């Protein structure tokens, strides 16, 4: 079932590795990047705190899982 508004049923967020790629993906999908705070745990793993409600939405995060 599609949402009643023109809001897409997915949200796109980016980590800190390649925000320009994520912005380009969002533009090609006709949406914008969601608000997020990016940080690191003490062991170096990335942490994301989503600053928007993502209930009933598909969520995608553009972030590699390995070191450059």
C-alpha atoms as a PDB file:
ATOM      1  CA  UNK A   1       0.000   0.000   0.000  1.00  0.00           C
ATOM      2  CA  UNK A   2       1.354   3.398  -0.999  1.00  0.00           C
ATOM      3  CA  UNK A   3       1.413   6.369   1.410  1.00  0.00           C
ATOM      4  CA  UNK A   4      -1.408   8.888   0.924  1.00  0.00           C
ATOM      5  CA  UNK A   5       0.978  11.783   0.268  1.00  0.00           C
ATOM      6  CA  UNK A   6       3.671  12.189  -2.364  1.00  0.00           C
ATOM      7  CA  UNK A   7       6.273  11.257   0.239  1.00  0.00           C
ATOM      8  CA  UNK A   8       8.281   8.206  -0.861  1.00  0.00           C
ATOM      9  CA  UNK A   9       7.986   5.078   1.307  1.00  0.00           C
ATOM     10  CA  UNK A  10      11.766   4.968   1.707  1.00  0.00           C
ATOM     11  CA  UNK A  11      14.400   7.177   3.303  1.00  0.00           C
ATOM     12  CA  UNK A  12      18.052   7.529   2.408  1.00  0.00           C
ATOM     13  CA  UNK A  13      20.788   8.389   4.896  1.00  0.00           C
ATOM     14  CA  UNK A  14      24.547   8.700   4.584  1.00  0.00           C
ATOM     15  CA  UNK A  15      27.444   7.934   6.849  1.00  0.00           C
ATOM     16  CA  UNK A  16      30.597  10.013   6.675  1.00  0.00           C
ATOM     17  CA  UNK A  17      32.546   7.984   4.087  1.00  0.00           C
ATOM     18  CA  UNK A  18      31.027   9.331   0.862  1.00  0.00           C
ATOM     19  CA  UNK A  19      28.320  11.962   1.395  1.00  0.00           C
ATOM     20  CA  UNK A  20      28.670  13.297  -2.164  1.00  0.00           C
ATOM     21  CA  UNK A  21      27.817   9.850  -3.596  1.00  0.00           C
ATOM     22  CA  UNK A  22      24.799   9.604  -1.271  1.00  0.00           C
ATOM     23  CA  UNK A  23      23.638  13.093  -2.324  1.00  0.00           C
ATOM     24  CA  UNK A  24      23.898  12.099  -5.980  1.00  0.00           C
ATOM     25  CA  UNK A  25      21.934   8.893  -5.333  1.00  0.00           C
ATOM     26  CA  UNK A  26      19.239  10.903  -3.533  1.00  0.00           C
ATOM     27  CA  UNK A  27      19.040  13.371  -6.408  1.00  0.00           C
ATOM     28  CA  UNK A  28      18.677  10.542  -8.940  1.00  0.00           C
ATOM     29  CA  UNK A  29      15.899   9.014  -6.822  1.00  0.00           C
ATOM     30  CA  UNK A  30      14.101  12.356  -6.543  1.00  0.00           C
ATOM     31  CA  UNK A  31      14.421  12.574  -2.766  1.00  0.00           C
ATOM     32  CA  UNK A  32      16.720  14.121  -0.174  1.00  0.00           C
ATOM     33  CA  UNK A  33      19.038  12.730   2.462  1.00  0.00           C
ATOM     34  CA  UNK A  34      17.565  12.201   5.899  1.00  0.00           C
ATOM     35  CA  UNK A  35      18.907  13.961   8.984  1.00  0.00           C
ATOM     36  CA  UNK A  36      21.464  11.874  10.866  1.00  0.00           C
ATOM     37  CA  UNK A  37      24.242  12.286  13.437  1.00  0.00           C
ATOM     38  CA  UNK A  38      27.297  10.179  12.604  1.00  0.00           C
ATOM     39  CA  UNK A  39      29.836   9.183  15.231  1.00  0.00           C
ATOM     40  CA  UNK A  40      32.171   6.389  16.266  1.00  0.00           C
ATOM     41  CA  UNK A  41      32.146   3.879  19.066  1.00  0.00           C
ATOM     42  CA  UNK A  42      35.345   3.503  21.105  1.00  0.00           C
ATOM     43  CA  UNK A  43      36.317   0.440  19.027  1.00  0.00           C
ATOM     44  CA  UNK A  44      36.152   2.493  15.797  1.00  0.00           C
ATOM     45  CA  UNK A  45      32.822   1.189  14.519  1.00  0.00           C
ATOM     46  CA  UNK A  46      30.455   3.759  13.006  1.00  0.00           C
ATOM     47  CA  UNK A  47      27.266   4.752  14.832  1.00  0.00           C
ATOM     48  CA  UNK A  48      24.303   6.525  13.254  1.00  0.00           C
ATOM     49  CA  UNK A  49      21.548   8.307  15.137  1.00  0.00           C
ATOM     50  CA  UNK A  50      18.598   8.935  12.841  1.00  0.00           C
ATOM     51  CA  UNK A  51      17.015  12.312  13.565  1.00  0.00           C
ATOM     52  CA  UNK A  52      13.752  11.593  11.735  1.00  0.00           C
ATOM     53  CA  UNK A  53      10.850   9.234  12.186  1.00  0.00           C
ATOM     54  CA  UNK A  54      11.387   6.193   9.938  1.00  0.00           C
ATOM     55  CA  UNK A  55       8.314   4.236  11.004  1.00  0.00           C
ATOM     56  CA  UNK A  56       6.750   2.227   8.141  1.00  0.00           C
ATOM     57  CA  UNK A  57       9.530   3.291   5.761  1.00  0.00           C
ATOM     58  CA  UNK A  58      12.294   1.374   4.031  1.00  0.00           C
ATOM     59  CA  UNK A  59      15.629   2.813   5.231  1.00  0.00           C
ATOM     60  CA  UNK A  60      18.870   2.754   3.258  1.00  0.00           C
ATOM     61  CA  UNK A  61      22.262   3.907   4.538  1.00  0.00           C
ATOM     62  CA  UNK A  62      25.075   4.653   2.088  1.00  0.00           C
ATOM     63  CA  UNK A  63      28.199   3.689   4.037  1.00  0.00           C
ATOM     64  CA  UNK A  64      30.943   1.159   3.258  1.00  0.00           C
ATOM     65  CA  UNK A  65      31.577  -1.480   5.916  1.00  0.00           C
ATOM     66  CA  UNK A  66      35.335  -1.709   5.426  1.00  0.00           C
ATOM     67  CA  UNK A  67      38.247   0.690   5.744  1.00  0.00           C
ATOM     68  CA  UNK A  68      39.301   2.636   2.610  1.00  0.00           C
END
